[in-house]
């Protein structure tokens, strides 16, 4: 279970990461590594943390290196099982948005879109599930 104090670290970092990924298509490493402070607010075993931190490097050819670092830091904070859920939710959300954008011809099939906003929003949704009444 995550403590609500983790949001004091995550929300400003997520806001900055989303802004820079949308505007500049780069992620600032300082804010990615600042997310590692969230590891103090979770009670995940160390083996799950390390495996969660190493798993995103398998995706290195599919997504950008900044996204890999972001997923790796989230994997260290939440562990491998929660990371897989966050990545699946981010992929579903980005797939839906991309399908709608393609449908209305806002993007071309060859275009690449920033993935960090979907990772950040999926992480916030995943953390909020503990506090929602349903």
Protein backbone atom coordinates (compact mmCIF):
# COMPACT_ATOMS: atom_id res chain seq x y z
CA UNK A 1 0.00 0.00 0.00
CA UNK A 2 1.31 3.41 -0.90
CA UNK A 3 1.11 6.32 1.47
CA UNK A 4 -0.57 9.54 0.32
CA UNK A 5 2.67 11.47 0.95
CA UNK A 6 4.07 10.01 -2.24
CA UNK A 7 1.77 12.33 -4.20
CA UNK A 8 3.70 15.34 -2.88
CA UNK A 9 6.68 14.04 -4.84
CA UNK A 10 4.92 12.52 -7.82
CA UNK A 11 2.46 15.23 -8.90
CA UNK A 12 5.03 18.04 -9.46
CA UNK A 13 7.46 15.64 -11.13
CA UNK A 14 4.73 14.20 -13.35
CA UNK A 15 3.57 17.68 -14.33
CA UNK A 16 7.07 18.70 -15.38
CA UNK A 17 7.75 15.42 -17.19
CA UNK A 18 4.48 15.63 -19.14
CA UNK A 19 5.13 19.25 -20.09
CA UNK A 20 8.65 18.63 -21.35
CA UNK A 21 7.67 15.46 -23.20
CA UNK A 22 4.83 17.21 -25.03
CA UNK A 23 6.80 20.41 -25.78
CA UNK A 24 10.36 19.21 -26.35
CA UNK A 25 9.97 15.43 -26.74
CA UNK A 26 12.58 14.94 -24.03
CA UNK A 27 12.34 13.92 -20.38
CA UNK A 28 14.45 15.66 -17.76
CA UNK A 29 16.45 13.04 -15.88
CA UNK A 30 16.47 15.05 -12.66
CA UNK A 31 12.70 14.69 -12.31
CA UNK A 32 12.82 11.02 -13.24
CA UNK A 33 15.38 10.32 -10.53
CA UNK A 34 13.43 12.46 -8.05
CA UNK A 35 10.66 9.88 -8.33
CA UNK A 36 12.98 7.36 -6.67
CA UNK A 37 12.36 9.19 -3.38
CA UNK A 38 8.91 7.62 -3.50
CA UNK A 39 10.53 4.29 -2.62
CA UNK A 40 10.60 5.44 1.01
CA UNK A 41 6.80 5.52 1.05
CA UNK A 42 6.13 1.97 -0.16
CA UNK A 43 6.71 -1.37 1.49
CA UNK A 44 7.71 -3.46 -1.53
CA UNK A 45 10.36 -6.21 -1.10
CA UNK A 46 13.76 -5.33 -2.55
CA UNK A 47 13.77 -8.21 -5.07
CA UNK A 48 10.51 -6.95 -6.60
CA UNK A 49 11.94 -3.43 -6.73
CA UNK A 50 15.07 -4.51 -8.61
CA UNK A 51 13.15 -6.69 -11.05
CA UNK A 52 10.70 -3.83 -11.63
CA UNK A 53 13.58 -1.47 -12.30
CA UNK A 54 15.23 -3.81 -14.81
CA UNK A 55 12.13 -4.93 -16.74
CA UNK A 56 11.62 -1.69 -18.75
CA UNK A 57 15.02 -2.08 -20.41
CA UNK A 58 13.51 -4.95 -22.41
CA UNK A 59 11.30 -2.33 -24.12
CA UNK A 60 14.26 -0.16 -25.15
CA UNK A 61 13.70 -0.61 -28.89
CA UNK A 62 9.94 0.02 -28.70
CA UNK A 63 9.80 3.24 -26.68
CA UNK A 64 12.19 6.11 -26.07
CA UNK A 65 14.99 5.95 -23.52
CA UNK A 66 13.36 8.64 -21.37
CA UNK A 67 10.22 6.52 -21.16
CA UNK A 68 12.35 3.51 -20.25
CA UNK A 69 13.99 5.50 -17.43
CA UNK A 70 10.60 6.72 -16.23
CA UNK A 71 9.19 3.19 -16.18
CA UNK A 72 12.35 1.93 -14.50
CA UNK A 73 12.08 4.44 -11.67
CA UNK A 74 8.40 3.62 -11.24
CA UNK A 75 9.31 -0.07 -11.27
CA UNK A 76 11.76 0.53 -8.44
CA UNK A 77 9.14 2.39 -6.42
CA UNK A 78 6.18 0.06 -6.99
CA UNK A 79 7.73 -3.29 -7.90
CA UNK A 80 7.35 -5.46 -10.96
CA UNK A 81 3.69 -6.45 -10.53
CA UNK A 82 2.39 -2.91 -10.14
CA UNK A 83 4.67 -1.75 -12.96
CA UNK A 84 3.09 -4.25 -15.33
CA UNK A 85 -0.36 -2.92 -14.41
CA UNK A 86 0.77 0.69 -14.88
CA UNK A 87 2.36 -0.11 -18.25
CA UNK A 88 -0.74 -1.99 -19.44
CA UNK A 89 -3.02 0.89 -18.40
CA UNK A 90 -0.73 3.44 -20.10
CA UNK A 91 -0.66 1.37 -23.29
CA UNK A 92 -4.46 1.02 -23.34
CA UNK A 93 -4.96 4.76 -22.76
CA UNK A 94 -2.46 5.75 -25.44
CA UNK A 95 -3.96 3.24 -27.86
CA UNK A 96 -7.44 4.68 -27.40
CA UNK A 97 -6.23 8.26 -27.83
CA UNK A 98 -4.15 7.34 -30.89
CA UNK A 99 -7.08 5.47 -32.46
CA UNK A 100 -9.33 8.50 -31.99
CA UNK A 101 -6.63 10.83 -33.36
CA UNK A 102 -6.17 8.59 -36.40
CA UNK A 103 -9.92 8.39 -36.90
CA UNK A 104 -10.24 12.17 -37.01
CA UNK A 105 -7.02 12.49 -39.05
CA UNK A 106 -5.18 14.56 -36.42
CA UNK A 107 -2.07 12.38 -36.74
CA UNK A 108 -0.59 10.18 -39.42
CA UNK A 109 0.20 6.51 -39.04
CA UNK A 110 3.94 7.25 -39.19
CA UNK A 111 3.89 9.91 -36.45
CA UNK A 112 5.22 9.23 -32.99
CA UNK A 113 3.45 10.57 -29.93
CA UNK A 114 4.82 11.28 -26.44
CA UNK A 115 4.26 8.35 -24.09
CA UNK A 116 5.24 9.93 -20.74
CA UNK A 117 1.85 11.66 -20.21
CA UNK A 118 0.14 8.28 -20.49
CA UNK A 119 2.61 6.66 -18.10
CA UNK A 120 2.15 9.44 -15.56
CA UNK A 121 -1.64 9.45 -15.78
CA UNK A 122 -1.75 5.65 -15.56
CA UNK A 123 0.42 5.78 -12.44
CA UNK A 124 -1.86 8.35 -10.81
CA UNK A 125 -4.95 6.32 -11.70
CA UNK A 126 -3.30 3.19 -10.35
CA UNK A 127 -2.40 4.93 -7.07
CA UNK A 128 -5.91 6.40 -6.77
CA UNK A 129 -7.53 2.96 -6.89
CA UNK A 130 -6.68 2.48 -3.21
CA UNK A 131 -8.66 5.57 -2.22
CA UNK A 132 -11.68 5.24 -4.50
CA UNK A 133 -14.87 3.81 -2.97
CA UNK A 134 -15.52 1.38 -5.83
